[in-house]
Amino acid sequence: MTMALSETAQQLLEIANELEAAAKHVITAHVHFSGGEVPRGCAHVLALEGHILRVRHLLDDIQLRHAEHARP
């Protein structure tokens, strides 16, 4: 496996882990909002956004690397 493929594979695993963590925050936020605990729910929404941002950065990196090797 080339270094680029290995790096992409690792980043995809990181993305999966980030998305799993994000999903847990969504569920926790749901529980807090359902219980009227708005500040706690908002804190988990912020954590969710952080995970989504991390995924976006990982995907950006993969896309940039792919563009370097793609033929028009």
C-alpha atoms as a PDB file:
ATOM      1  CA  MET A   1       0.000   0.000   0.000  1.00  0.00           C
ATOM      2  CA  THR A   2       1.353   3.423  -0.868  1.00  0.00           C
ATOM      3  CA  MET A   3       1.908   6.061   1.780  1.00  0.00           C
ATOM      4  CA  ALA A   4      -0.966   8.143   0.371  1.00  0.00           C
ATOM      5  CA  LEU A   5      -3.375   5.204   0.515  1.00  0.00           C
ATOM      6  CA  SER A   6      -2.259   4.306   4.005  1.00  0.00           C
ATOM      7  CA  GLU A   7      -2.787   7.883   5.166  1.00  0.00           C
ATOM      8  CA  THR A   8      -6.227   8.018   3.554  1.00  0.00           C
ATOM      9  CA  ALA A   9      -7.207   4.721   5.163  1.00  0.00           C
ATOM     10  CA  GLN A  10      -6.134   6.021   8.571  1.00  0.00           C
ATOM     11  CA  GLN A  11      -8.050   9.265   8.069  1.00  0.00           C
ATOM     12  CA  LEU A  12     -11.175   7.347   7.092  1.00  0.00           C
ATOM     13  CA  LEU A  13     -10.942   5.424  10.353  1.00  0.00           C
ATOM     14  CA  GLU A  14     -10.565   8.735  12.213  1.00  0.00           C
ATOM     15  CA  ILE A  15     -13.653  10.029  10.408  1.00  0.00           C
ATOM     16  CA  ALA A  16     -15.632   6.970  11.479  1.00  0.00           C
ATOM     17  CA  ASN A  17     -14.546   7.486  15.091  1.00  0.00           C
ATOM     18  CA  GLU A  18     -15.429  11.184  14.981  1.00  0.00           C
ATOM     19  CA  LEU A  19     -18.867  10.425  13.534  1.00  0.00           C
ATOM     20  CA  GLU A  20     -19.531   7.814  16.216  1.00  0.00           C
ATOM     21  CA  ALA A  21     -18.617  10.359  18.890  1.00  0.00           C
ATOM     22  CA  ALA A  22     -20.812  12.967  17.182  1.00  0.00           C
ATOM     23  CA  ALA A  23     -23.763  10.576  17.184  1.00  0.00           C
ATOM     24  CA  LYS A  24     -23.354  10.016  20.927  1.00  0.00           C
ATOM     25  CA  HIS A  25     -23.460  13.771  21.512  1.00  0.00           C
ATOM     26  CA  VAL A  26     -26.652  14.044  19.444  1.00  0.00           C
ATOM     27  CA  ILE A  27     -28.340  11.416  21.588  1.00  0.00           C
ATOM     28  CA  THR A  28     -27.121  13.038  24.792  1.00  0.00           C
ATOM     29  CA  ALA A  29     -28.286  16.469  23.595  1.00  0.00           C
ATOM     30  CA  HIS A  30     -31.684  14.965  22.795  1.00  0.00           C
ATOM     31  CA  VAL A  31     -31.965  13.564  26.325  1.00  0.00           C
ATOM     32  CA  HIS A  32     -31.007  16.903  27.897  1.00  0.00           C
ATOM     33  CA  PHE A  33     -33.362  18.955  25.725  1.00  0.00           C
ATOM     34  CA  SER A  34     -36.173  16.487  26.333  1.00  0.00           C
ATOM     35  CA  GLY A  35     -35.606  16.938  30.057  1.00  0.00           C
ATOM     36  CA  GLY A  36     -35.601  20.731  29.787  1.00  0.00           C
ATOM     37  CA  GLU A  37     -31.867  20.970  30.459  1.00  0.00           C
ATOM     38  CA  VAL A  38     -31.100  23.511  27.747  1.00  0.00           C
ATOM     39  CA  PRO A  39     -27.559  24.533  28.813  1.00  0.00           C
ATOM     40  CA  ARG A  40     -26.407  20.913  29.016  1.00  0.00           C
ATOM     41  CA  GLY A  41     -28.073  20.143  25.697  1.00  0.00           C
ATOM     42  CA  CYS A  42     -26.349  23.144  24.097  1.00  0.00           C
ATOM     43  CA  ALA A  43     -22.982  21.983  25.419  1.00  0.00           C
ATOM     44  CA  HIS A  44     -23.411  18.673  23.617  1.00  0.00           C
ATOM     45  CA  VAL A  45     -24.497  20.427  20.433  1.00  0.00           C
ATOM     46  CA  LEU A  46     -21.239  22.394  20.575  1.00  0.00           C
ATOM     47  CA  ALA A  47     -19.289  19.171  21.047  1.00  0.00           C
ATOM     48  CA  LEU A  48     -21.166  17.698  18.079  1.00  0.00           C
ATOM     49  CA  GLU A  49     -20.143  20.687  15.960  1.00  0.00           C
ATOM     50  CA  GLY A  50     -16.525  20.155  16.963  1.00  0.00           C
ATOM     51  CA  HIS A  51     -16.622  16.559  15.760  1.00  0.00           C
ATOM     52  CA  ILE A  52     -18.264  17.609  12.497  1.00  0.00           C
ATOM     53  CA  LEU A  53     -15.597  20.277  12.007  1.00  0.00           C
ATOM     54  CA  ARG A  54     -12.873  17.686  12.575  1.00  0.00           C
ATOM     55  CA  VAL A  55     -14.504  15.413   9.970  1.00  0.00           C
ATOM     56  CA  ARG A  56     -14.673  18.317   7.524  1.00  0.00           C
ATOM     57  CA  HIS A  57     -10.935  18.983   7.981  1.00  0.00           C
ATOM     58  CA  LEU A  58     -10.096  15.309   7.445  1.00  0.00           C
ATOM     59  CA  LEU A  59     -12.233  15.168   4.310  1.00  0.00           C
ATOM     60  CA  ASP A  60     -10.650  18.383   3.019  1.00  0.00           C
ATOM     61  CA  ASP A  61      -7.220  16.818   3.429  1.00  0.00           C
ATOM     62  CA  ILE A  62      -8.295  13.673   1.587  1.00  0.00           C
ATOM     63  CA  GLN A  63      -9.789  15.745  -1.226  1.00  0.00           C
ATOM     64  CA  LEU A  64      -6.674  17.864  -1.610  1.00  0.00           C
ATOM     65  CA  ARG A  65      -4.467  14.783  -1.733  1.00  0.00           C
ATOM     66  CA  HIS A  66      -6.776  13.184  -4.294  1.00  0.00           C
ATOM     67  CA  ALA A  67      -6.715  16.315  -6.462  1.00  0.00           C
ATOM     68  CA  GLU A  68      -2.915  16.137  -6.594  1.00  0.00           C
ATOM     69  CA  HIS A  69      -3.125  12.718  -8.253  1.00  0.00           C
ATOM     70  CA  ALA A  70      -6.308  13.000 -10.309  1.00  0.00           C
ATOM     71  CA  ARG A  71      -6.025  13.330 -14.054  1.00  0.00           C
ATOM     72  CA  PRO A  72      -8.324  15.842 -15.795  1.00  0.00           C
END
